PDB file of N, CA and C in Angstrom:
ATOM      1  N   MET A   1       0.749  -5.015 -13.809  1.00  0.00           N
ATOM      2  CA  MET A   1       1.599  -4.345 -13.515  1.00  0.00           C
ATOM      3  C   MET A   1       3.339  -3.714 -13.202  1.00  0.00           C
ATOM      4  N   GLU A   2       3.671  -3.948 -14.661  1.00  0.00           N
ATOM      5  CA  GLU A   2       4.700  -3.511 -15.226  1.00  0.00           C
ATOM      6  C   GLU A   2       4.484  -2.005 -15.723  1.00  0.00           C
ATOM      7  N   ALA A   3       2.998  -1.430 -16.385  1.00  0.00           N
ATOM      8  CA  ALA A   3       2.663  -0.147 -16.568  1.00  0.00           C
ATOM      9  C   ALA A   3       2.629   0.705 -14.901  1.00  0.00           C
ATOM     10  N   ILE A   4       2.290   0.113 -14.401  1.00  0.00           N
ATOM     11  CA  ILE A   4       2.632   0.599 -12.690  1.00  0.00           C
ATOM     12  C   ILE A   4       3.631   1.046 -12.525  1.00  0.00           C
ATOM     13  N   LYS A   5       4.495   0.114 -12.459  1.00  0.00           N
ATOM     14  CA  LYS A   5       5.524   0.908 -11.937  1.00  0.00           C
ATOM     15  C   LYS A   5       6.814   1.757 -12.707  1.00  0.00           C
ATOM     16  N   GLU A   6       6.453   1.343 -14.313  1.00  0.00           N
ATOM     17  CA  GLU A   6       6.669   2.927 -15.872  1.00  0.00           C
ATOM     18  C   GLU A   6       6.086   3.862 -15.226  1.00  0.00           C
ATOM     19  N   ALA A   7       4.900   3.737 -14.741  1.00  0.00           N
ATOM     20  CA  ALA A   7       4.252   4.961 -14.568  1.00  0.00           C
ATOM     21  C   ALA A   7       4.904   5.788 -13.322  1.00  0.00           C
ATOM     22  N   GLY A   8       5.876   4.993 -12.716  1.00  0.00           N
ATOM     23  CA  GLY A   8       6.392   5.467 -10.900  1.00  0.00           C
ATOM     24  C   GLY A   8       5.427   5.518 -10.232  1.00  0.00           C
ATOM     25  N   ILE A   9       4.191   5.153  -9.999  1.00  0.00           N
ATOM     26  CA  ILE A   9       3.317   5.003  -8.874  1.00  0.00           C
ATOM     27  C   ILE A   9       3.839   4.950  -7.485  1.00  0.00           C
ATOM     28  N   VAL A  10       3.308   5.666  -6.638  1.00  0.00           N
ATOM     29  CA  VAL A  10       4.040   5.443  -4.726  1.00  0.00           C
ATOM     30  C   VAL A  10       2.522   6.303  -4.417  1.00  0.00           C
ATOM     31  N   GLY A  11       3.093   5.009  -3.507  1.00  0.00           N
ATOM     32  CA  GLY A  11       2.058   5.184  -1.679  1.00  0.00           C
ATOM     33  C   GLY A  11       1.450   7.100  -1.745  1.00  0.00           C
ATOM     34  N   ALA A  12       0.320   7.182  -1.217  1.00  0.00           N
ATOM     35  CA  ALA A  12       0.584   8.619  -0.596  1.00  0.00           C
ATOM     36  C   ALA A  12       0.541   8.833   0.937  1.00  0.00           C
ATOM     37  N   GLY A  13       1.482   8.266   1.557  1.00  0.00           N
ATOM     38  CA  GLY A  13       2.022   7.921   2.903  1.00  0.00           C
ATOM     39  C   GLY A  13       2.585   9.084   2.869  1.00  0.00           C
ATOM     40  N   GLY A  14       3.520   9.561   2.099  1.00  0.00           N
ATOM     41  CA  GLY A  14       5.037  10.277   2.156  1.00  0.00           C
ATOM     42  C   GLY A  14       6.527  10.260   1.980  1.00  0.00           C
ATOM     43  N   ALA A  15       5.764   8.130   2.295  1.00  0.00           N
ATOM     44  CA  ALA A  15       7.808   7.953   1.977  1.00  0.00           C
ATOM     45  C   ALA A  15       7.855   7.621   0.754  1.00  0.00           C
ATOM     46  N   GLY A  16       6.816   7.859  -0.175  1.00  0.00           N
ATOM     47  CA  GLY A  16       7.317   7.527  -2.252  1.00  0.00           C
ATOM     48  C   GLY A  16       7.201   5.961  -2.083  1.00  0.00           C
ATOM     49  N   PHE A  17       7.198   5.208  -1.014  1.00  0.00           N
ATOM     50  CA  PHE A  17       7.457   3.121  -1.598  1.00  0.00           C
ATOM     51  C   PHE A  17       6.728   3.194  -2.444  1.00  0.00           C
ATOM     52  N   PRO A  18       6.841   2.353  -3.647  1.00  0.00           N
ATOM     53  CA  PRO A  18       6.252   2.068  -5.214  1.00  0.00           C
ATOM     54  C   PRO A  18       5.313   0.923  -4.998  1.00  0.00           C
ATOM     55  N   THR A  19       3.790   1.604  -5.525  1.00  0.00           N
ATOM     56  CA  THR A  19       2.826   0.633  -5.644  1.00  0.00           C
ATOM     57  C   THR A  19       3.455  -0.948  -6.148  1.00  0.00           C
ATOM     58  N   HIS A  20       4.440  -0.779  -7.355  1.00  0.00           N
ATOM     59  CA  HIS A  20       4.045  -1.902  -7.427  1.00  0.00           C
ATOM     60  C   HIS A  20       4.793  -3.349  -6.091  1.00  0.00           C
ATOM     61  N   ILE A  21       5.801  -2.594  -5.793  1.00  0.00           N
ATOM     62  CA  ILE A  21       6.031  -3.654  -4.685  1.00  0.00           C
ATOM     63  C   ILE A  21       5.277  -4.141  -3.891  1.00  0.00           C
ATOM     64  N   LYS A  22       4.701  -3.204  -3.475  1.00  0.00           N
ATOM     65  CA  LYS A  22       3.269  -3.537  -2.687  1.00  0.00           C
ATOM     66  C   LYS A  22       2.136  -4.151  -3.101  1.00  0.00           C
ATOM     67  N   LEU A  23       2.161  -4.286  -4.468  1.00  0.00           N
ATOM     68  CA  LEU A  23       0.725  -5.068  -5.469  1.00  0.00           C
ATOM     69  C   LEU A  23       1.384  -6.468  -5.954  1.00  0.00           C
ATOM     70  N   ASP A  24       2.880  -6.223  -5.647  1.00  0.00           N
ATOM     71  CA  ASP A  24       3.946  -8.214  -6.256  1.00  0.00           C
ATOM     72  C   ASP A  24       3.934  -9.034  -4.931  1.00  0.00           C
ATOM     73  N   LEU A  25       2.676  -9.674  -4.480  1.00  0.00           N
ATOM     74  CA  LEU A  25       3.141 -10.343  -3.493  1.00  0.00           C
ATOM     75  C   LEU A  25       2.439 -11.528  -4.128  1.00  0.00           C
ATOM     76  N   SER A  26       2.563 -12.811  -2.901  1.00  0.00           N
ATOM     77  CA  SER A  26       1.831 -13.708  -2.815  1.00  0.00           C
ATOM     78  C   SER A  26       1.513 -13.631  -2.251  1.00  0.00           C
ATOM     79  N   LEU A  27       0.098 -14.545  -1.416  1.00  0.00           N
ATOM     80  CA  LEU A  27      -0.358 -14.970   0.164  1.00  0.00           C
ATOM     81  C   LEU A  27      -1.164 -16.009  -0.014  1.00  0.00           C
ATOM     82  N   GLN A  28       0.070 -17.330   0.184  1.00  0.00           N
ATOM     83  CA  GLN A  28      -0.399 -18.661   0.286  1.00  0.00           C
ATOM     84  C   GLN A  28       0.408 -18.352   1.485  1.00  0.00           C
ATOM     85  N   GLY A  29      -0.754 -18.993   2.340  1.00  0.00           N
ATOM     86  CA  GLY A  29      -0.118 -19.225   3.630  1.00  0.00           C
ATOM     87  C   GLY A  29       0.459 -17.862   4.248  1.00  0.00           C
ATOM     88  N   GLY A  30      -0.288 -16.749   4.074  1.00  0.00           N
ATOM     89  CA  GLY A  30      -0.175 -15.540   4.661  1.00  0.00           C
ATOM     90  C   GLY A  30      -1.453 -15.026   4.898  1.00  0.00           C
ATOM     91  N   CYS A  31      -0.991 -13.618   5.264  1.00  0.00           N
ATOM     92  CA  CYS A  31      -2.260 -12.645   5.215  1.00  0.00           C
ATOM     93  C   CYS A  31      -2.217 -11.076   5.209  1.00  0.00           C
ATOM     94  N   VAL A  32      -3.455 -10.580   5.193  1.00  0.00           N
ATOM     95  CA  VAL A  32      -3.160  -8.913   5.216  1.00  0.00           C
ATOM     96  C   VAL A  32      -3.678  -8.506   6.166  1.00  0.00           C
ATOM     97  N   ILE A  33      -2.636  -7.517   6.305  1.00  0.00           N
ATOM     98  CA  ILE A  33      -2.864  -6.597   8.229  1.00  0.00           C
ATOM     99  C   ILE A  33      -3.541  -5.018   6.872  1.00  0.00           C
ATOM    100  N   ALA A  34      -4.392  -4.538   7.730  1.00  0.00           N
ATOM    101  CA  ALA A  34      -4.847  -3.538   7.092  1.00  0.00           C
ATOM    102  C   ALA A  34      -5.157  -2.530   8.395  1.00  0.00           C
ATOM    103  N   ASN A  35      -3.868  -0.920   8.070  1.00  0.00           N
ATOM    104  CA  ASN A  35      -4.930   0.085   8.653  1.00  0.00           C
ATOM    105  C   ASN A  35      -5.468   0.619   8.417  1.00  0.00           C
ATOM    106  N   ALA A  36      -6.460   0.750   8.668  1.00  0.00           N
ATOM    107  CA  ALA A  36      -7.836   1.793   7.649  1.00  0.00           C
ATOM    108  C   ALA A  36      -8.027   2.766   8.586  1.00  0.00           C
ATOM    109  N   ALA A  37      -7.181   3.365   9.714  1.00  0.00           N
ATOM    110  CA  ALA A  37      -7.358   4.293  10.519  1.00  0.00           C
ATOM    111  C   ALA A  37      -6.358   5.123  10.192  1.00  0.00           C
ATOM    112  N   GLU A  38      -5.126   5.196   9.899  1.00  0.00           N
ATOM    113  CA  GLU A  38      -3.920   5.837   9.315  1.00  0.00           C
ATOM    114  C   GLU A  38      -4.319   7.042   8.924  1.00  0.00           C
ATOM    115  N   CYS A  39      -4.056   8.205   9.417  1.00  0.00           N
ATOM    116  CA  CYS A  39      -3.786   9.590   8.814  1.00  0.00           C
ATOM    117  C   CYS A  39      -5.616   9.698   8.978  1.00  0.00           C
ATOM    118  N   GLU A  40      -6.650   9.553   9.966  1.00  0.00           N
ATOM    119  CA  GLU A  40      -8.026   9.506  10.315  1.00  0.00           C
ATOM    120  C   GLU A  40      -8.147  10.467  12.066  1.00  0.00           C
ATOM    121  N   PRO A  41      -7.160  11.262  12.176  1.00  0.00           N
ATOM    122  CA  PRO A  41      -7.109  11.391  13.529  1.00  0.00           C
ATOM    123  C   PRO A  41      -8.962  12.122  14.110  1.00  0.00           C
ATOM    124  N   ASN A  42      -9.433  12.022  12.830  1.00  0.00           N
ATOM    125  CA  ASN A  42     -11.105  12.263  13.332  1.00  0.00           C
ATOM    126  C   ASN A  42     -11.826  11.166  14.299  1.00  0.00           C
ATOM    127  N   LEU A  43     -11.280  10.041  13.544  1.00  0.00           N
ATOM    128  CA  LEU A  43     -12.284   8.840  14.480  1.00  0.00           C
ATOM    129  C   LEU A  43     -12.005   7.969  15.920  1.00  0.00           C
ATOM    130  N   LYS A  44     -13.525   8.121  16.386  1.00  0.00           N
ATOM    131  CA  LYS A  44     -13.278   7.797  17.529  1.00  0.00           C
ATOM    132  C   LYS A  44     -13.198   6.064  18.104  1.00  0.00           C
ATOM    133  N   PRO A  45     -12.549   5.663  18.665  1.00  0.00           N
ATOM    134  CA  PRO A  45     -12.325   4.514  19.029  1.00  0.00           C
ATOM    135  C   PRO A  45     -13.968   4.061  19.525  1.00  0.00           C
TER     136      PRO A  45
END
């Protein structure tokens, strides 16, 4: 985690949100919601 933070790795979505913050979490009593269709305009529902 420290190597990711020190390297300054950010998401590829353009906002520059730090990846180390996304990965530093606890899922006890929670869940993950993933938008897998983001940036995929050719996907058909």
